[in-house]
Amino acid sequence: MAVNPQLFPNGMPVPFLNELFVLARDGVDFEVDKIPGVGAVKAKGTLYLSNIRMVFVSIKPVENFIAFDMPLLFVHGEKFNQPIFFCNNISGHVDPVIPENENRALYSTHSFKILFKEGGCGTFIPLFFNLIASVRRYHQQSREEARVDPLQAAQTPVDEMMRHAYVDPNDPTRIFLQQPSTESQLRRRTYQSTS
């Protein structure tokens, strides 16, 4: 996880090298805990899903919180919830991206919840769970490295998954059939900040 990843002026996350955005879902509520300097955050905004990560981008900043980046390899305990008297949601945990030469004990796991309050989630849910399962399968096959690099998920074959995606007419999820154009061809190569 990374708080406030780089964004383009239109709010779209700056992609990593070999990152492919699969979908964007507007109108989600997002809850996450343990944000440094803020604590727990509840915000409304857009969720982007790629072959590497999920990025929530808030409509309105909450203190110094604008966006939250969750590498798919670091997400665990994810669960789709369908409560009787509330909206469908996904809950889970995400481990932090630890900068090199930092102590793991200084960083704790975050709990998150993604609430689908506007429209259905019949398109988002299967794509999310298929993608995260595919990322995990690929990671299991290439597990020789001692340090887990969240960007190795870029090798996940998303093309086949996209060709067979079911589109729920009640779900406002936007599927990217081609990559969104950006003002720049800037591509990030690492989670570590370069400043």
N, C-alpha and C. Protein backbone atom coordinates (compact mmCIF):
# COMPACT_ATOMS: atom_id res chain seq x y z
N MET A 1 0.83 -1.17 0.00
CA MET A 1 0.00 0.00 0.00
C MET A 1 0.87 1.22 0.00
N ALA A 2 0.36 2.26 -0.58
CA ALA A 2 1.07 3.54 -0.59
C ALA A 2 0.02 4.64 -0.54
N VAL A 3 0.22 5.58 0.35
CA VAL A 3 -0.70 6.71 0.47
C VAL A 3 -0.31 7.76 -0.56
N ASN A 4 -1.31 8.33 -1.22
CA ASN A 4 -1.13 9.41 -2.19
C ASN A 4 -0.13 9.08 -3.30
N PRO A 5 -0.43 8.04 -4.10
CA PRO A 5 0.44 7.76 -5.25
C PRO A 5 0.35 8.88 -6.28
N GLN A 6 1.27 8.88 -7.23
CA GLN A 6 1.27 9.91 -8.26
C GLN A 6 0.02 9.80 -9.13
N LEU A 7 -0.61 10.95 -9.39
CA LEU A 7 -1.82 11.02 -10.21
C LEU A 7 -1.63 12.04 -11.31
N PHE A 8 -2.31 11.83 -12.44
CA PHE A 8 -2.36 12.84 -13.47
C PHE A 8 -3.37 13.91 -13.02
N PRO A 9 -3.36 15.08 -13.64
CA PRO A 9 -4.31 16.14 -13.25
C PRO A 9 -5.78 15.71 -13.33
N ASN A 10 -6.11 14.75 -14.19
CA ASN A 10 -7.49 14.29 -14.30
C ASN A 10 -7.86 13.26 -13.23
N GLY A 11 -6.92 12.91 -12.34
CA GLY A 11 -7.17 11.97 -11.26
C GLY A 11 -6.77 10.54 -11.56
N MET A 12 -6.43 10.26 -12.79
CA MET A 12 -6.01 8.91 -13.18
C MET A 12 -4.62 8.63 -12.60
N PRO A 13 -4.40 7.43 -12.02
CA PRO A 13 -3.07 7.11 -11.49
C PRO A 13 -2.02 7.06 -12.60
N VAL A 14 -0.82 7.53 -12.30
CA VAL A 14 0.30 7.42 -13.23
C VAL A 14 0.68 5.94 -13.29
N PRO A 15 0.65 5.33 -14.47
CA PRO A 15 0.91 3.88 -14.55
C PRO A 15 2.38 3.53 -14.36
N PHE A 16 2.59 2.31 -13.92
CA PHE A 16 3.92 1.74 -13.86
C PHE A 16 4.28 1.19 -15.24
N LEU A 17 5.53 0.87 -15.43
CA LEU A 17 5.97 0.23 -16.65
C LEU A 17 5.24 -1.11 -16.77
N ASN A 18 4.66 -1.40 -17.91
CA ASN A 18 3.90 -2.63 -18.20
C ASN A 18 2.59 -2.75 -17.44
N GLU A 19 2.11 -1.68 -16.84
CA GLU A 19 0.82 -1.73 -16.14
C GLU A 19 -0.31 -1.50 -17.14
N LEU A 20 -1.36 -2.31 -17.03
CA LEU A 20 -2.54 -2.19 -17.87
C LEU A 20 -3.75 -1.97 -16.98
N PHE A 21 -4.47 -0.88 -17.19
CA PHE A 21 -5.68 -0.64 -16.41
C PHE A 21 -6.81 -1.47 -16.99
N VAL A 22 -7.51 -2.17 -16.13
CA VAL A 22 -8.59 -3.07 -16.51
C VAL A 22 -9.93 -2.35 -16.43
N LEU A 23 -10.15 -1.62 -15.34
CA LEU A 23 -11.44 -0.97 -15.16
C LEU A 23 -11.34 0.21 -14.22
N ALA A 24 -12.38 1.03 -14.22
CA ALA A 24 -12.54 2.12 -13.27
C ALA A 24 -13.98 2.06 -12.78
N ARG A 25 -14.15 2.25 -11.50
CA ARG A 25 -15.49 2.21 -10.90
C ARG A 25 -15.70 3.49 -10.11
N ASP A 26 -16.63 4.33 -10.61
CA ASP A 26 -16.99 5.57 -9.92
C ASP A 26 -18.02 5.27 -8.83
N GLY A 27 -18.20 6.22 -7.93
CA GLY A 27 -19.26 6.12 -6.93
C GLY A 27 -19.07 5.06 -5.88
N VAL A 28 -17.83 4.80 -5.48
CA VAL A 28 -17.60 3.85 -4.39
C VAL A 28 -17.22 4.63 -3.13
N ASP A 29 -17.60 4.07 -2.01
CA ASP A 29 -17.14 4.58 -0.73
C ASP A 29 -15.99 3.69 -0.30
N PHE A 30 -14.98 4.29 0.30
CA PHE A 30 -13.77 3.58 0.66
C PHE A 30 -13.44 3.88 2.11
N GLU A 31 -13.12 2.84 2.86
CA GLU A 31 -12.72 2.98 4.25
C GLU A 31 -11.39 2.27 4.44
N VAL A 32 -10.48 2.92 5.13
CA VAL A 32 -9.17 2.33 5.41
C VAL A 32 -8.70 2.87 6.76
N ASP A 33 -7.92 2.06 7.47
CA ASP A 33 -7.43 2.50 8.78
C ASP A 33 -5.93 2.73 8.75
N LYS A 34 -5.43 3.30 9.83
CA LYS A 34 -3.99 3.48 10.08
C LYS A 34 -3.26 4.32 9.04
N ILE A 35 -3.89 5.37 8.54
CA ILE A 35 -3.19 6.27 7.62
C ILE A 35 -2.32 7.20 8.46
N PRO A 36 -1.02 7.26 8.18
CA PRO A 36 -0.12 8.10 8.99
C PRO A 36 -0.58 9.56 9.04
N GLY A 37 -0.69 10.08 10.24
CA GLY A 37 -1.07 11.47 10.43
C GLY A 37 -2.56 11.74 10.32
N VAL A 38 -3.36 10.74 9.94
CA VAL A 38 -4.80 10.93 9.77
C VAL A 38 -5.59 9.92 10.59
N GLY A 39 -5.16 8.67 10.62
CA GLY A 39 -5.92 7.59 11.29
C GLY A 39 -6.82 6.90 10.29
N ALA A 40 -8.06 6.65 10.70
CA ALA A 40 -9.03 6.00 9.82
C ALA A 40 -9.62 7.03 8.86
N VAL A 41 -9.85 6.61 7.62
CA VAL A 41 -10.38 7.50 6.59
C VAL A 41 -11.60 6.86 5.95
N LYS A 42 -12.62 7.69 5.71
CA LYS A 42 -13.79 7.30 4.92
C LYS A 42 -13.93 8.35 3.84
N ALA A 43 -13.99 7.90 2.59
CA ALA A 43 -14.06 8.84 1.47
C ALA A 43 -14.87 8.25 0.34
N LYS A 44 -15.32 9.12 -0.55
CA LYS A 44 -16.07 8.71 -1.74
C LYS A 44 -15.21 9.06 -2.95
N GLY A 45 -15.23 8.17 -3.97
CA GLY A 45 -14.42 8.46 -5.14
C GLY A 45 -14.48 7.37 -6.18
N THR A 46 -13.34 7.20 -6.88
CA THR A 46 -13.20 6.25 -7.99
C THR A 46 -12.15 5.21 -7.65
N LEU A 47 -12.45 3.97 -8.01
CA LEU A 47 -11.50 2.88 -7.80
C LEU A 47 -11.01 2.41 -9.17
N TYR A 48 -9.69 2.38 -9.35
CA TYR A 48 -9.06 1.90 -10.58
C TYR A 48 -8.46 0.52 -10.28
N LEU A 49 -8.63 -0.41 -11.20
CA LEU A 49 -8.06 -1.74 -11.06
C LEU A 49 -7.17 -2.01 -12.26
N SER A 50 -5.94 -2.44 -11.99
CA SER A 50 -5.01 -2.77 -13.07
C SER A 50 -4.47 -4.16 -12.84
N ASN A 51 -3.55 -4.59 -13.69
CA ASN A 51 -2.91 -5.89 -13.53
C ASN A 51 -1.90 -5.90 -12.39
N ILE A 52 -1.64 -4.76 -11.77
CA ILE A 52 -0.69 -4.65 -10.68
C ILE A 52 -1.34 -4.25 -9.36
N ARG A 53 -2.35 -3.38 -9.42
CA ARG A 53 -2.85 -2.78 -8.18
C ARG A 53 -4.27 -2.27 -8.31
N MET A 54 -4.83 -1.90 -7.15
CA MET A 54 -6.07 -1.12 -7.07
C MET A 54 -5.66 0.24 -6.54
N VAL A 55 -6.25 1.28 -7.10
CA VAL A 55 -5.98 2.63 -6.60
C VAL A 55 -7.31 3.31 -6.37
N PHE A 56 -7.53 3.72 -5.13
CA PHE A 56 -8.72 4.52 -4.83
C PHE A 56 -8.31 5.98 -4.90
N VAL A 57 -9.10 6.79 -5.62
CA VAL A 57 -8.84 8.23 -5.73
C VAL A 57 -10.08 8.95 -5.20
N SER A 58 -9.88 9.74 -4.16
CA SER A 58 -10.97 10.44 -3.49
C SER A 58 -11.45 11.64 -4.31
N ILE A 59 -12.76 11.90 -4.26
CA ILE A 59 -13.31 13.09 -4.92
C ILE A 59 -12.84 14.34 -4.19
N LYS A 60 -12.91 14.30 -2.85
CA LYS A 60 -12.46 15.42 -2.02
C LYS A 60 -11.38 14.92 -1.07
N PRO A 61 -10.26 15.62 -0.98
CA PRO A 61 -9.21 15.20 -0.04
C PRO A 61 -9.72 15.22 1.40
N VAL A 62 -9.30 14.24 2.18
CA VAL A 62 -9.60 14.16 3.60
C VAL A 62 -8.29 14.42 4.31
N GLU A 63 -8.16 15.61 4.92
CA GLU A 63 -6.89 16.08 5.49
C GLU A 63 -5.82 15.96 4.42
N ASN A 64 -4.76 15.16 4.61
CA ASN A 64 -3.74 15.04 3.55
C ASN A 64 -3.90 13.74 2.75
N PHE A 65 -5.06 13.09 2.84
CA PHE A 65 -5.33 11.85 2.12
C PHE A 65 -6.05 12.17 0.81
N ILE A 66 -5.44 11.77 -0.33
CA ILE A 66 -6.04 11.98 -1.65
C ILE A 66 -6.32 10.65 -2.33
N ALA A 67 -5.38 9.72 -2.22
CA ALA A 67 -5.50 8.44 -2.91
C ALA A 67 -4.80 7.35 -2.11
N PHE A 68 -5.16 6.11 -2.42
CA PHE A 68 -4.58 4.97 -1.72
C PHE A 68 -4.32 3.86 -2.73
N ASP A 69 -3.10 3.37 -2.76
CA ASP A 69 -2.61 2.39 -3.73
C ASP A 69 -2.45 1.04 -3.03
N MET A 70 -3.09 -0.01 -3.57
CA MET A 70 -3.02 -1.34 -2.97
C MET A 70 -2.49 -2.35 -3.98
N PRO A 71 -1.22 -2.76 -3.89
CA PRO A 71 -0.69 -3.77 -4.80
C PRO A 71 -1.47 -5.08 -4.63
N LEU A 72 -1.87 -5.70 -5.72
CA LEU A 72 -2.67 -6.93 -5.64
C LEU A 72 -1.93 -8.06 -4.94
N LEU A 73 -0.60 -8.11 -5.06
CA LEU A 73 0.17 -9.16 -4.38
C LEU A 73 0.14 -8.98 -2.86
N PHE A 74 -0.16 -7.79 -2.38
CA PHE A 74 -0.15 -7.52 -0.95
C PHE A 74 -1.54 -7.56 -0.33
N VAL A 75 -2.58 -7.75 -1.14
CA VAL A 75 -3.95 -7.83 -0.64
C VAL A 75 -4.20 -9.27 -0.17
N HIS A 76 -4.82 -9.41 0.99
CA HIS A 76 -5.17 -10.74 1.49
C HIS A 76 -6.42 -10.65 2.36
N GLY A 77 -7.04 -11.78 2.57
CA GLY A 77 -8.25 -11.82 3.38
C GLY A 77 -9.44 -11.12 2.74
N GLU A 78 -9.40 -10.96 1.41
CA GLU A 78 -10.48 -10.25 0.73
C GLU A 78 -11.75 -11.09 0.76
N LYS A 79 -12.88 -10.41 0.94
CA LYS A 79 -14.15 -11.10 1.07
C LYS A 79 -15.25 -10.23 0.48
N PHE A 80 -16.11 -10.84 -0.31
CA PHE A 80 -17.28 -10.15 -0.85
C PHE A 80 -18.43 -10.32 0.13
N ASN A 81 -18.98 -9.21 0.60
CA ASN A 81 -20.05 -9.22 1.60
C ASN A 81 -21.34 -8.71 0.98
N GLN A 82 -22.44 -9.40 1.26
CA GLN A 82 -23.77 -9.00 0.79
C GLN A 82 -24.72 -8.90 1.98
N PRO A 83 -24.59 -7.84 2.77
CA PRO A 83 -25.46 -7.71 3.94
C PRO A 83 -26.91 -7.45 3.53
N ILE A 84 -27.84 -7.85 4.38
CA ILE A 84 -29.26 -7.69 4.07
C ILE A 84 -29.69 -6.23 4.05
N PHE A 85 -29.24 -5.46 5.03
CA PHE A 85 -29.71 -4.08 5.18
C PHE A 85 -28.68 -3.03 4.80
N PHE A 86 -27.67 -3.40 4.05
CA PHE A 86 -26.66 -2.43 3.67
C PHE A 86 -26.16 -2.80 2.28
N CYS A 87 -25.27 -2.00 1.72
CA CYS A 87 -24.82 -2.23 0.34
C CYS A 87 -23.74 -3.32 0.28
N ASN A 88 -23.61 -3.92 -0.90
CA ASN A 88 -22.56 -4.92 -1.14
C ASN A 88 -21.19 -4.26 -0.97
N ASN A 89 -20.22 -5.04 -0.50
CA ASN A 89 -18.89 -4.48 -0.29
C ASN A 89 -17.84 -5.56 -0.33
N ILE A 90 -16.61 -5.13 -0.49
CA ILE A 90 -15.45 -6.01 -0.39
C ILE A 90 -14.64 -5.51 0.79
N SER A 91 -14.27 -6.42 1.68
CA SER A 91 -13.41 -6.06 2.79
C SER A 91 -12.14 -6.90 2.70
N GLY A 92 -11.10 -6.44 3.35
CA GLY A 92 -9.85 -7.19 3.33
C GLY A 92 -8.74 -6.44 4.02
N HIS A 93 -7.53 -6.92 3.80
CA HIS A 93 -6.33 -6.33 4.38
C HIS A 93 -5.30 -6.14 3.28
N VAL A 94 -4.44 -5.15 3.47
CA VAL A 94 -3.35 -4.92 2.53
C VAL A 94 -2.09 -4.60 3.32
N ASP A 95 -1.01 -5.29 2.96
CA ASP A 95 0.28 -5.05 3.59
C ASP A 95 0.93 -3.82 2.97
N PRO A 96 1.73 -3.11 3.74
CA PRO A 96 2.39 -1.92 3.21
C PRO A 96 3.55 -2.25 2.28
N VAL A 97 3.84 -1.33 1.38
CA VAL A 97 5.05 -1.42 0.56
C VAL A 97 6.16 -0.81 1.43
N ILE A 98 7.13 -1.61 1.80
CA ILE A 98 8.18 -1.16 2.71
C ILE A 98 9.35 -0.63 1.89
N PRO A 99 9.71 0.63 2.11
CA PRO A 99 10.87 1.17 1.39
C PRO A 99 12.14 0.37 1.73
N GLU A 100 13.05 0.32 0.77
CA GLU A 100 14.30 -0.39 1.00
C GLU A 100 15.00 0.21 2.20
N ASN A 101 15.71 -0.64 2.95
CA ASN A 101 16.48 -0.25 4.14
C ASN A 101 15.60 0.26 5.27
N GLU A 102 14.30 -0.06 5.26
CA GLU A 102 13.41 0.31 6.35
C GLU A 102 13.06 -0.94 7.15
N ASN A 103 12.70 -0.74 8.41
CA ASN A 103 12.35 -1.84 9.28
C ASN A 103 10.87 -2.18 9.10
N ARG A 104 10.56 -3.46 8.87
CA ARG A 104 9.18 -3.92 8.68
C ARG A 104 8.31 -3.61 9.90
N ALA A 105 8.89 -3.61 11.09
CA ALA A 105 8.14 -3.37 12.32
C ALA A 105 7.54 -1.96 12.39
N LEU A 106 8.04 -1.04 11.58
CA LEU A 106 7.53 0.33 11.59
C LEU A 106 6.25 0.47 10.77
N TYR A 107 5.87 -0.57 10.04
CA TYR A 107 4.71 -0.51 9.14
C TYR A 107 3.71 -1.60 9.52
N SER A 108 2.43 -1.23 9.56
CA SER A 108 1.42 -2.22 9.92
C SER A 108 0.45 -2.44 8.76
N THR A 109 -0.22 -3.58 8.81
CA THR A 109 -1.21 -3.96 7.81
C THR A 109 -2.45 -3.09 7.96
N HIS A 110 -3.05 -2.69 6.84
CA HIS A 110 -4.26 -1.88 6.83
C HIS A 110 -5.48 -2.75 6.56
N SER A 111 -6.59 -2.42 7.19
CA SER A 111 -7.88 -3.01 6.86
C SER A 111 -8.58 -2.05 5.92
N PHE A 112 -9.26 -2.59 4.89
CA PHE A 112 -9.98 -1.72 3.98
C PHE A 112 -11.36 -2.29 3.69
N LYS A 113 -12.22 -1.40 3.20
CA LYS A 113 -13.56 -1.80 2.76
C LYS A 113 -13.93 -0.94 1.57
N ILE A 114 -14.44 -1.58 0.52
CA ILE A 114 -14.91 -0.90 -0.68
C ILE A 114 -16.42 -1.12 -0.75
N LEU A 115 -17.20 -0.04 -0.66
CA LEU A 115 -18.66 -0.15 -0.63
C LEU A 115 -19.24 0.31 -1.95
N PHE A 116 -20.12 -0.52 -2.53
CA PHE A 116 -20.74 -0.23 -3.82
C PHE A 116 -22.13 0.34 -3.58
N LYS A 117 -22.22 1.65 -3.37
CA LYS A 117 -23.50 2.28 -3.04
C LYS A 117 -24.27 2.75 -4.26
N GLU A 118 -23.61 2.90 -5.39
CA GLU A 118 -24.26 3.40 -6.61
C GLU A 118 -24.23 2.33 -7.69
N GLY A 119 -25.31 1.59 -7.82
CA GLY A 119 -25.40 0.56 -8.85
C GLY A 119 -24.89 -0.78 -8.37
N GLY A 120 -25.01 -1.77 -9.24
CA GLY A 120 -24.60 -3.13 -8.92
C GLY A 120 -23.10 -3.30 -8.98
N CYS A 121 -22.67 -4.54 -8.77
CA CYS A 121 -21.24 -4.84 -8.82
C CYS A 121 -20.97 -6.15 -9.56
N GLY A 122 -21.89 -6.56 -10.43
CA GLY A 122 -21.78 -7.82 -11.16
C GLY A 122 -20.67 -7.85 -12.19
N THR A 123 -20.17 -6.71 -12.62
CA THR A 123 -19.02 -6.66 -13.53
C THR A 123 -17.73 -6.60 -12.73
N PHE A 124 -17.70 -5.76 -11.71
CA PHE A 124 -16.49 -5.54 -10.93
C PHE A 124 -16.04 -6.79 -10.17
N ILE A 125 -16.95 -7.43 -9.46
CA ILE A 125 -16.59 -8.53 -8.56
C ILE A 125 -15.90 -9.69 -9.30
N PRO A 126 -16.47 -10.24 -10.39
CA PRO A 126 -15.77 -11.35 -11.05
C PRO A 126 -14.41 -10.95 -11.61
N LEU A 127 -14.30 -9.75 -12.18
CA LEU A 127 -13.01 -9.31 -12.70
C LEU A 127 -11.98 -9.17 -11.58
N PHE A 128 -12.38 -8.59 -10.46
CA PHE A 128 -11.48 -8.41 -9.33
C PHE A 128 -10.97 -9.76 -8.81
N PHE A 129 -11.89 -10.68 -8.54
CA PHE A 129 -11.47 -11.96 -7.97
C PHE A 129 -10.69 -12.81 -8.98
N ASN A 130 -11.03 -12.76 -10.26
CA ASN A 130 -10.26 -13.48 -11.28
C ASN A 130 -8.86 -12.90 -11.41
N LEU A 131 -8.75 -11.59 -11.37
CA LEU A 131 -7.45 -10.94 -11.50
C LEU A 131 -6.56 -11.23 -10.30
N ILE A 132 -7.11 -11.14 -9.11
CA ILE A 132 -6.29 -11.38 -7.92
C ILE A 132 -5.86 -12.86 -7.86
N ALA A 133 -6.72 -13.78 -8.29
CA ALA A 133 -6.35 -15.20 -8.33
C ALA A 133 -5.25 -15.43 -9.37
N SER A 134 -5.35 -14.77 -10.51
CA SER A 134 -4.35 -14.89 -11.56
C SER A 134 -3.00 -14.34 -11.10
N VAL A 135 -3.01 -13.20 -10.41
CA VAL A 135 -1.77 -12.61 -9.88
C VAL A 135 -1.12 -13.57 -8.89
N ARG A 136 -1.91 -14.17 -8.03
CA ARG A 136 -1.37 -15.11 -7.04
C ARG A 136 -0.80 -16.36 -7.71
N ARG A 137 -1.50 -16.88 -8.71
CA ARG A 137 -0.99 -18.05 -9.43
C ARG A 137 0.35 -17.74 -10.08
N TYR A 138 0.43 -16.60 -10.73
CA TYR A 138 1.67 -16.22 -11.40
C TYR A 138 2.79 -16.05 -10.37
N HIS A 139 2.47 -15.44 -9.24
CA HIS A 139 3.48 -15.22 -8.19
C HIS A 139 3.98 -16.55 -7.62
N GLN A 140 3.10 -17.52 -7.45
CA GLN A 140 3.51 -18.84 -6.94
C GLN A 140 4.50 -19.51 -7.90
N GLN A 141 4.31 -19.31 -9.20
CA GLN A 141 5.19 -19.94 -10.19
C GLN A 141 6.57 -19.29 -10.23
N SER A 142 6.66 -18.03 -9.84
CA SER A 142 7.94 -17.30 -9.94
C SER A 142 8.41 -16.84 -8.57
N ARG A 143 8.38 -17.71 -7.60
CA ARG A 143 8.62 -17.32 -6.22
C ARG A 143 10.07 -17.48 -5.78
N GLU A 144 11.03 -17.46 -6.67
CA GLU A 144 12.42 -17.65 -6.28
C GLU A 144 12.98 -16.47 -5.49
N GLU A 145 12.44 -15.28 -5.71
CA GLU A 145 13.00 -14.09 -5.08
C GLU A 145 12.64 -14.02 -3.60
N ALA A 146 13.59 -13.54 -2.79
CA ALA A 146 13.33 -13.40 -1.35
C ALA A 146 12.44 -12.19 -1.08
N ARG A 147 12.67 -11.10 -1.79
CA ARG A 147 11.88 -9.88 -1.59
C ARG A 147 10.76 -9.85 -2.63
N VAL A 148 9.54 -9.63 -2.17
CA VAL A 148 8.38 -9.61 -3.06
C VAL A 148 8.29 -8.24 -3.71
N ASP A 149 8.30 -8.22 -5.03
CA ASP A 149 8.15 -6.98 -5.78
C ASP A 149 6.73 -6.91 -6.31
N PRO A 150 5.92 -5.93 -5.87
CA PRO A 150 4.54 -5.87 -6.32
C PRO A 150 4.40 -5.66 -7.83
N LEU A 151 5.44 -5.17 -8.48
CA LEU A 151 5.36 -4.92 -9.92
C LEU A 151 5.49 -6.18 -10.75
N GLN A 152 5.89 -7.32 -10.13
CA GLN A 152 5.98 -8.54 -10.91
C GLN A 152 4.61 -9.04 -11.33
N ALA A 153 3.55 -8.50 -10.74
CA ALA A 153 2.19 -8.85 -11.16
C ALA A 153 1.90 -8.37 -12.57
N ALA A 154 2.73 -7.50 -13.11
CA ALA A 154 2.53 -6.98 -14.47
C ALA A 154 2.53 -8.09 -15.51
N GLN A 155 3.11 -9.23 -15.18
CA GLN A 155 3.18 -10.33 -16.13
C GLN A 155 1.86 -11.11 -16.22
N THR A 156 0.90 -10.77 -15.38
CA THR A 156 -0.40 -11.47 -15.37
C THR A 156 -1.10 -11.29 -16.71
N PRO A 157 -1.60 -12.38 -17.30
CA PRO A 157 -2.28 -12.27 -18.60
C PRO A 157 -3.71 -11.76 -18.45
N VAL A 158 -3.91 -10.46 -18.61
CA VAL A 158 -5.25 -9.88 -18.44
C VAL A 158 -6.05 -9.87 -19.75
N ASP A 159 -5.38 -10.00 -20.89
CA ASP A 159 -6.09 -9.94 -22.18
C ASP A 159 -7.18 -11.00 -22.28
N GLU A 160 -6.84 -12.22 -21.93
CA GLU A 160 -7.81 -13.32 -22.01
C GLU A 160 -8.99 -13.08 -21.07
N MET A 161 -8.70 -12.59 -19.89
CA MET A 161 -9.74 -12.32 -18.92
C MET A 161 -10.70 -11.24 -19.44
N MET A 162 -10.18 -10.23 -20.09
CA MET A 162 -10.99 -9.13 -20.59
C MET A 162 -11.90 -9.57 -21.74
N ARG A 163 -11.42 -10.51 -22.54
CA ARG A 163 -12.22 -10.99 -23.67
C ARG A 163 -13.48 -11.73 -23.21
N HIS A 164 -13.42 -12.30 -22.01
CA HIS A 164 -14.54 -13.10 -21.51
C HIS A 164 -15.27 -12.42 -20.35
N ALA A 165 -15.11 -11.12 -20.21
CA ALA A 165 -15.74 -10.40 -19.10
C ALA A 165 -17.24 -10.32 -19.30
N TYR A 166 -17.97 -10.60 -18.23
CA TYR A 166 -19.43 -10.44 -18.23
C TYR A 166 -19.72 -9.00 -17.84
N VAL A 167 -20.59 -8.34 -18.57
CA VAL A 167 -20.92 -6.95 -18.26
C VAL A 167 -22.34 -6.90 -17.69
N ASP A 168 -22.44 -6.47 -16.45
CA ASP A 168 -23.71 -6.32 -15.75
C ASP A 168 -24.29 -4.95 -16.11
N PRO A 169 -25.48 -4.88 -16.70
CA PRO A 169 -26.05 -3.58 -17.09
C PRO A 169 -26.34 -2.66 -15.91
N ASN A 170 -26.43 -3.21 -14.69
CA ASN A 170 -26.68 -2.38 -13.50
C ASN A 170 -25.40 -1.91 -12.82
N ASP A 171 -24.27 -2.33 -13.35
CA ASP A 171 -22.98 -1.98 -12.75
C ASP A 171 -22.34 -0.85 -13.57
N PRO A 172 -22.08 0.31 -12.94
CA PRO A 172 -21.49 1.43 -13.68
C PRO A 172 -19.98 1.33 -13.93
N THR A 173 -19.39 0.17 -13.72
CA THR A 173 -17.97 -0.02 -13.95
C THR A 173 -17.63 0.24 -15.42
N ARG A 174 -16.54 0.98 -15.65
CA ARG A 174 -16.03 1.22 -17.00
C ARG A 174 -14.86 0.29 -17.25
N ILE A 175 -14.98 -0.56 -18.26
CA ILE A 175 -13.89 -1.47 -18.62
C ILE A 175 -13.06 -0.80 -19.71
N PHE A 176 -11.73 -0.85 -19.55
CA PHE A 176 -10.83 -0.24 -20.53
C PHE A 176 -10.52 -1.27 -21.62
N LEU A 177 -11.12 -1.07 -22.80
CA LEU A 177 -10.83 -1.94 -23.94
C LEU A 177 -9.50 -1.56 -24.58
N GLN A 178 -9.11 -0.31 -24.41
CA GLN A 178 -7.77 0.15 -24.75
C GLN A 178 -7.34 1.05 -23.63
N GLN A 179 -6.04 1.24 -23.48
CA GLN A 179 -5.54 2.01 -22.36
C GLN A 179 -5.91 3.48 -22.49
N PRO A 180 -6.34 4.09 -21.39
CA PRO A 180 -6.71 5.51 -21.44
C PRO A 180 -5.52 6.35 -21.88
N SER A 181 -5.79 7.35 -22.70
CA SER A 181 -4.70 8.22 -23.13
C SER A 181 -4.41 9.21 -22.02
N THR A 182 -3.17 9.53 -21.87
CA THR A 182 -2.74 10.50 -20.87
C THR A 182 -1.96 11.59 -21.57
N GLU A 183 -1.84 12.72 -20.88
CA GLU A 183 -1.13 13.85 -21.49
C GLU A 183 0.36 13.54 -21.68
N SER A 184 0.85 12.56 -20.95
CA SER A 184 2.27 12.27 -20.96
C SER A 184 2.48 10.77 -21.10
N GLN A 185 3.60 10.38 -21.59
CA GLN A 185 3.93 8.96 -21.66
C GLN A 185 4.75 8.53 -20.44
N LEU A 186 4.66 9.32 -19.38
CA LEU A 186 5.37 9.04 -18.14
C LEU A 186 4.96 7.68 -17.59
N ARG A 187 5.92 6.86 -17.26
CA ARG A 187 5.67 5.56 -16.64
C ARG A 187 6.57 5.41 -15.43
N ARG A 188 6.00 5.01 -14.33
CA ARG A 188 6.79 4.79 -13.12
C ARG A 188 7.46 3.43 -13.21
N ARG A 189 8.63 3.31 -12.63
CA ARG A 189 9.37 2.05 -12.67
C ARG A 189 9.44 1.37 -11.31
N THR A 190 9.08 2.06 -10.23
CA THR A 190 9.21 1.51 -8.89
C THR A 190 8.23 2.17 -7.95
N TYR A 191 7.96 1.53 -6.82
CA TYR A 191 7.11 2.12 -5.79
C TYR A 191 7.88 3.16 -4.96
N GLN A 192 9.20 3.09 -5.00
CA GLN A 192 10.01 4.01 -4.21
C GLN A 192 9.96 5.41 -4.81
N SER A 193 9.84 6.42 -3.96
CA SER A 193 9.77 7.79 -4.48
C SER A 193 11.14 8.22 -4.97
N THR A 194 11.15 9.05 -5.98
CA THR A 194 12.41 9.49 -6.57
C THR A 194 12.81 10.88 -6.10
N SER A 195 12.03 11.45 -5.21
CA SER A 195 12.36 12.81 -4.75
C SER A 195 13.31 12.80 -3.59
